[in-house]
């Protein structure tokens, strides 16, 4: 597996976490999203004359194995290329759990997009649209928010209709991510919320409106020079209630929320599509007494587990 030759190309793509705007972003609402530098995917490319080979390493690489060639072939088809035209060795080293709301699929799509751009097959201005189309393989309909933040690597206020802009933060409270112990399937969660708009359109619109309002509250809080933990907790609870109303809070999620609050969390909310994955928690200081890994939202981890 080790390749001693110097790599021709290398890129590290960060994961992501969403503060608010999940699901409603698909229908044009804003979302606030951040890169997560401590969770990432590395793509390294070595030139040789052999037909293209992909080697997988790191966390969850068996899951990558099931999907990598589907994504790669979709990219080739979009670029009117054949696999036989591609030469060399690609190594993918993933440090993100798939199905957990940290943008694992987006990191893969962005890394491959950057790779094809490096080879000269894709101009820079088309990278976002190209990677978003690749991600449709995973989600059926990608909002583009995960791709945007992993591609540009900056905190973003994202809108599907109005584009996205960098968020300049005045402050940030103590926020951590922790795994609920159960994966969420993004496509299933998206479909479940869409079903609401068929079966109970008035309620569905109301929940979307609640999430959109919570995004506006977070946007304001991030611009304040003083951190108001009471208002932060209220905004988190309001956005988490949207997940509850959508039916995306299962028993594993409820239990994890109880454990976080017992350990001192001021408020919690799901982040990502729901149904499991990671939970965001607000603290008045760095958490000390938890039986599970706590990932800081605003600080790169020095070690990977």
Protein backbone atom coordinates (compact mmCIF):
# COMPACT_ATOMS: atom_id res chain seq x y z
CA UNK A 1 0.00 0.00 0.00
CA UNK A 2 2.93 2.36 0.61
CA UNK A 3 4.05 4.42 -2.35
CA UNK A 4 7.54 5.89 -2.03
CA UNK A 5 7.33 8.11 -5.11
CA UNK A 6 6.57 11.77 -4.66
CA UNK A 7 2.89 12.57 -5.03
CA UNK A 8 1.87 14.60 -8.08
CA UNK A 9 -1.20 15.97 -6.30
CA UNK A 10 -2.52 16.05 -2.74
CA UNK A 11 -5.53 17.67 -1.11
CA UNK A 12 -7.11 17.53 2.34
CA UNK A 13 -10.85 18.27 2.41
CA UNK A 14 -12.45 19.14 5.79
CA UNK A 15 -15.75 17.83 7.07
CA UNK A 16 -18.56 20.13 8.11
CA UNK A 17 -21.16 20.81 10.76
CA UNK A 18 -24.40 22.78 10.42
CA UNK A 19 -25.54 25.18 13.12
CA UNK A 20 -29.06 25.55 11.71
CA UNK A 21 -31.09 25.44 8.52
CA UNK A 22 -31.22 21.70 7.95
CA UNK A 23 -33.94 20.52 5.53
CA UNK A 24 -35.48 23.98 5.04
CA UNK A 25 -32.33 24.83 3.04
CA UNK A 26 -33.56 22.48 0.28
CA UNK A 27 -36.59 24.73 -0.19
CA UNK A 28 -34.63 27.98 -0.28
CA UNK A 29 -34.11 28.78 3.41
CA UNK A 30 -30.74 29.94 4.70
CA UNK A 31 -28.33 27.60 6.49
CA UNK A 32 -25.33 28.40 8.68
CA UNK A 33 -22.52 25.92 8.13
CA UNK A 34 -18.91 25.58 9.27
CA UNK A 35 -15.92 23.54 8.13
CA UNK A 36 -14.73 20.93 10.64
CA UNK A 37 -10.97 20.77 10.23
CA UNK A 38 -10.48 17.92 12.71
CA UNK A 39 -12.41 15.50 10.49
CA UNK A 40 -11.22 15.24 6.90
CA UNK A 41 -10.48 13.20 3.80
CA UNK A 42 -7.06 13.11 2.14
CA UNK A 43 -6.68 12.41 -1.58
CA UNK A 44 -3.16 11.73 -2.86
CA UNK A 45 -2.37 11.03 -6.51
CA UNK A 46 0.73 9.33 -7.89
CA UNK A 47 1.46 9.36 -11.60
CA UNK A 48 2.30 6.12 -13.41
CA UNK A 49 1.49 4.44 -16.73
CA UNK A 50 -0.86 1.81 -15.30
CA UNK A 51 -4.65 1.95 -15.53
CA UNK A 52 -6.11 4.00 -12.70
CA UNK A 53 -6.17 2.32 -9.29
CA UNK A 54 -7.83 3.56 -6.11
CA UNK A 55 -6.52 2.52 -2.70
CA UNK A 56 -8.63 3.16 0.39
CA UNK A 57 -7.40 3.75 3.92
CA UNK A 58 -8.57 5.30 7.15
CA UNK A 59 -11.90 5.32 8.93
CA UNK A 60 -14.77 3.38 7.39
CA UNK A 61 -12.86 2.60 4.21
CA UNK A 62 -15.01 -0.51 3.62
CA UNK A 63 -18.01 1.79 3.07
CA UNK A 64 -15.98 3.95 0.73
CA UNK A 65 -15.17 0.83 -1.26
CA UNK A 66 -18.85 0.28 -2.02
CA UNK A 67 -19.37 3.74 -3.48
CA UNK A 68 -16.07 5.13 -4.72
CA UNK A 69 -16.22 3.60 -8.19
CA UNK A 70 -19.84 4.71 -8.67
CA UNK A 71 -18.82 8.30 -7.92
CA UNK A 72 -15.67 8.02 -10.04
CA UNK A 73 -17.59 6.60 -13.01
CA UNK A 74 -20.21 9.36 -12.75
CA UNK A 75 -17.43 11.94 -12.86
CA UNK A 76 -15.88 10.26 -15.92
CA UNK A 77 -19.25 10.19 -17.68
CA UNK A 78 -19.85 13.90 -17.01
CA UNK A 79 -16.41 14.67 -18.45
CA UNK A 80 -16.81 12.32 -21.44
CA UNK A 81 -13.84 10.27 -20.30
CA UNK A 82 -13.27 6.52 -20.18
CA UNK A 83 -11.65 4.70 -17.30
CA UNK A 84 -9.01 3.36 -19.70
CA UNK A 85 -7.85 6.95 -20.30
CA UNK A 86 -7.04 7.43 -16.62
CA UNK A 87 -3.61 6.40 -15.37
CA UNK A 88 -1.93 6.35 -11.98
CA UNK A 89 -2.77 5.66 -8.34
CA UNK A 90 -5.26 7.50 -6.12
CA UNK A 91 -5.04 7.00 -2.36
CA UNK A 92 -8.06 8.03 -0.29
CA UNK A 93 -7.62 8.31 3.48
CA UNK A 94 -10.90 9.11 5.22
CA UNK A 95 -11.21 10.35 8.80
CA UNK A 96 -14.96 10.96 8.71
CA UNK A 97 -17.74 8.58 9.67
CA UNK A 98 -20.22 8.08 6.81
CA UNK A 99 -23.89 8.63 7.57
CA UNK A 100 -23.18 10.85 10.56
CA UNK A 101 -23.90 14.34 9.25
CA UNK A 102 -20.30 15.52 8.96
CA UNK A 103 -20.21 15.80 5.20
CA UNK A 104 -18.35 12.57 4.40
CA UNK A 105 -19.97 12.23 0.98
CA UNK A 106 -19.26 15.89 0.18
CA UNK A 107 -15.57 15.49 1.07
CA UNK A 108 -15.31 12.61 -1.39
CA UNK A 109 -17.09 14.53 -4.16
CA UNK A 110 -15.03 17.68 -3.58
CA UNK A 111 -11.74 15.75 -3.44
CA UNK A 112 -12.48 14.01 -6.76
CA UNK A 113 -13.61 17.32 -8.28
CA UNK A 114 -10.35 18.98 -7.25
CA UNK A 115 -8.46 15.99 -8.67
CA UNK A 116 -10.11 16.30 -12.10
CA UNK A 117 -9.55 20.07 -12.01
CA UNK A 118 -5.85 19.42 -11.32
CA UNK A 119 -5.72 17.14 -14.38
CA UNK A 120 -7.13 19.98 -16.47
CA UNK A 121 -10.51 18.43 -17.24
CA UNK A 122 -12.58 20.90 -15.21
CA UNK A 123 -12.31 24.71 -14.95
CA UNK A 124 -12.35 26.20 -11.45
CA UNK A 125 -15.64 28.04 -11.96
CA UNK A 126 -17.47 24.73 -12.59
CA UNK A 127 -16.15 22.88 -9.54
CA UNK A 128 -19.09 23.68 -7.24
CA UNK A 129 -21.76 22.58 -9.73
CA UNK A 130 -19.76 19.47 -10.67
CA UNK A 131 -19.26 18.34 -7.05
CA UNK A 132 -22.91 19.03 -6.21
CA UNK A 133 -24.04 16.83 -9.09
CA UNK A 134 -21.75 14.04 -7.88
CA UNK A 135 -23.29 14.33 -4.41
CA UNK A 136 -26.75 13.74 -5.86
CA UNK A 137 -25.68 10.09 -6.03
CA UNK A 138 -25.88 10.01 -2.24
CA UNK A 139 -28.82 12.26 -1.44
CA UNK A 140 -31.03 12.11 -4.51
CA UNK A 141 -31.24 15.90 -4.33
CA UNK A 142 -28.26 17.68 -2.80
CA UNK A 143 -28.89 21.17 -1.46
CA UNK A 144 -25.24 21.97 -2.18
CA UNK A 145 -24.57 23.26 1.35
CA UNK A 146 -22.10 20.49 2.30
CA UNK A 147 -20.24 20.86 -0.98
CA UNK A 148 -20.02 24.65 -0.58
CA UNK A 149 -18.43 24.59 2.86
CA UNK A 150 -16.03 21.72 2.14
CA UNK A 151 -14.99 23.29 -1.17
CA UNK A 152 -14.45 26.84 0.14
CA UNK A 153 -13.42 25.88 3.70
CA UNK A 154 -14.96 28.91 5.40
CA UNK A 155 -18.01 29.54 7.63
CA UNK A 156 -20.89 30.25 5.28
CA UNK A 157 -24.38 31.67 5.21
CA UNK A 158 -25.78 29.45 2.47
CA UNK A 159 -28.87 29.86 0.31
CA UNK A 160 -29.77 27.57 -2.54
CA UNK A 161 -31.44 30.46 -4.37
CA UNK A 162 -29.20 33.38 -3.41
CA UNK A 163 -25.80 31.69 -3.26
CA UNK A 164 -23.54 31.87 -0.23
CA UNK A 165 -21.29 34.31 1.52
CA UNK A 166 -18.57 34.05 4.14
CA UNK A 167 -19.64 34.65 7.73
CA UNK A 168 -17.38 36.90 9.77
CA UNK A 169 -17.79 35.77 13.38
CA UNK A 170 -17.73 38.27 16.23
CA UNK A 171 -17.89 35.51 18.83
CA UNK A 172 -18.50 31.81 19.34
CA UNK A 173 -19.61 29.99 22.49
CA UNK A 174 -18.31 26.62 23.66
CA UNK A 175 -19.88 24.17 21.19
CA UNK A 176 -19.09 20.49 20.85
CA UNK A 177 -20.15 17.60 18.63
CA UNK A 178 -20.72 14.06 19.84
CA UNK A 179 -21.95 10.90 18.14
CA UNK A 180 -25.43 9.70 19.06
CA UNK A 181 -24.46 6.10 18.42
CA UNK A 182 -26.79 5.69 15.47
CA UNK A 183 -26.32 6.66 11.85
CA UNK A 184 -28.81 8.68 9.91
CA UNK A 185 -29.49 8.09 6.23
CA UNK A 186 -29.69 11.52 4.63
CA UNK A 187 -31.83 10.48 1.68
CA UNK A 188 -34.37 8.76 3.96
CA UNK A 189 -34.56 11.82 6.24
CA UNK A 190 -34.97 14.19 3.28
CA UNK A 191 -37.72 11.98 1.84
CA UNK A 192 -39.49 11.84 5.21
CA UNK A 193 -39.60 15.63 5.46
CA UNK A 194 -40.74 15.95 1.83
CA UNK A 195 -43.58 13.54 2.61
CA UNK A 196 -44.80 16.05 5.20
CA UNK A 197 -45.43 18.54 2.40
CA UNK A 198 -47.77 16.04 0.74
CA UNK A 199 -49.58 14.77 3.84
CA UNK A 200 -49.64 17.92 6.01
CA UNK A 201 -48.51 20.91 3.92
CA UNK A 202 -49.59 23.58 6.41
CA UNK A 203 -47.67 21.95 9.26
CA UNK A 204 -44.68 21.36 7.01
CA UNK A 205 -44.57 25.04 6.01
CA UNK A 206 -44.82 26.02 9.66
CA UNK A 207 -41.86 23.84 10.68
CA UNK A 208 -39.79 25.21 7.81
CA UNK A 209 -40.63 28.72 9.01
CA UNK A 210 -39.51 27.83 12.54
CA UNK A 211 -36.14 26.62 11.24
CA UNK A 212 -35.73 29.71 9.06
CA UNK A 213 -36.42 31.90 12.12
CA UNK A 214 -33.84 30.02 14.18
CA UNK A 215 -31.24 30.64 11.46
CA UNK A 216 -31.93 34.38 11.71
CA UNK A 217 -31.51 34.24 15.49
CA UNK A 218 -28.17 32.43 15.19
CA UNK A 219 -27.03 34.87 12.53
CA UNK A 220 -27.69 37.75 14.93
CA UNK A 221 -26.04 35.97 17.87
CA UNK A 222 -22.86 35.37 15.87
CA UNK A 223 -22.61 39.11 15.23
CA UNK A 224 -22.95 40.12 18.88
CA UNK A 225 -19.74 41.03 20.71
CA UNK A 226 -21.02 39.51 23.97
CA UNK A 227 -22.05 35.86 24.18
CA UNK A 228 -25.55 35.44 25.62
CA UNK A 229 -25.79 31.77 26.57
CA UNK A 230 -29.50 32.04 27.40
CA UNK A 231 -30.34 33.21 23.88
CA UNK A 232 -27.99 30.62 22.38
CA UNK A 233 -29.72 27.86 24.35
CA UNK A 234 -33.17 29.08 23.27
CA UNK A 235 -32.18 29.15 19.60
CA UNK A 236 -30.71 25.65 19.80
CA UNK A 237 -33.81 24.25 21.49
CA UNK A 238 -36.07 25.88 18.90
CA UNK A 239 -34.15 24.41 15.98
CA UNK A 240 -34.01 20.98 17.66
CA UNK A 241 -37.80 21.04 18.03
CA UNK A 242 -38.02 21.13 14.25
CA UNK A 243 -36.28 17.75 14.14
CA UNK A 244 -38.74 16.44 16.75
CA UNK A 245 -41.72 17.62 14.70
CA UNK A 246 -40.26 16.06 11.55
CA UNK A 247 -40.04 12.72 13.39
CA UNK A 248 -36.25 12.60 13.08
CA UNK A 249 -35.47 12.20 16.80
CA UNK A 250 -35.35 8.51 17.69
CA UNK A 251 -34.74 6.85 21.06
CA UNK A 252 -30.95 6.75 20.58
CA UNK A 253 -30.94 10.50 19.96
CA UNK A 254 -33.16 11.17 23.00
CA UNK A 255 -30.91 9.08 25.24
CA UNK A 256 -27.78 10.84 24.00
CA UNK A 257 -29.39 14.24 24.63
CA UNK A 258 -30.19 13.21 28.20
CA UNK A 259 -26.58 12.11 28.79
CA UNK A 260 -25.24 15.41 27.49
CA UNK A 261 -27.55 17.45 29.69
CA UNK A 262 -26.70 15.28 32.70
CA UNK A 263 -23.03 16.08 32.03
CA UNK A 264 -23.77 19.80 32.08
CA UNK A 265 -24.78 20.78 28.53
CA UNK A 266 -26.95 23.90 28.49
CA UNK A 267 -28.75 22.90 25.27
CA UNK A 268 -28.52 20.33 22.48
CA UNK A 269 -29.67 19.97 18.89
CA UNK A 270 -29.18 17.50 16.09
CA UNK A 271 -26.91 18.61 13.28
CA UNK A 272 -27.21 17.30 9.75
CA UNK A 273 -30.16 15.39 8.37
CA UNK A 274 -31.25 13.80 11.66
CA UNK A 275 -32.33 10.28 12.54
CA UNK A 276 -29.01 9.85 14.35
CA UNK A 277 -25.58 11.09 13.46
CA UNK A 278 -23.96 13.82 15.54
CA UNK A 279 -25.46 16.11 18.14
CA UNK A 280 -24.40 19.68 18.82
CA UNK A 281 -24.17 20.76 22.46
CA UNK A 282 -23.72 24.14 24.16
CA UNK A 283 -21.59 24.52 27.31
CA UNK A 284 -20.51 27.27 29.67
CA UNK A 285 -17.06 25.65 29.84
CA UNK A 286 -15.11 22.80 28.26
CA UNK A 287 -16.98 19.55 29.11
CA UNK A 288 -15.16 17.21 31.49
CA UNK A 289 -17.48 14.36 32.46
CA UNK A 290 -18.64 12.50 29.35
CA UNK A 291 -18.28 8.82 28.53
CA UNK A 292 -17.99 9.51 24.79
CA UNK A 293 -15.72 11.55 22.54
CA UNK A 294 -16.42 15.27 22.40
CA UNK A 295 -15.27 17.10 19.28
CA UNK A 296 -14.73 20.87 19.57
CA UNK A 297 -16.49 22.78 16.81
CA UNK A 298 -14.02 25.62 16.53
CA UNK A 299 -10.68 23.92 17.06
CA UNK A 300 -8.77 21.40 14.93
CA UNK A 301 -8.11 18.17 16.82
CA UNK A 302 -4.46 17.18 17.09
CA UNK A 303 -5.20 13.49 16.90
CA UNK A 304 -7.65 11.33 15.03
CA UNK A 305 -9.52 8.48 16.62
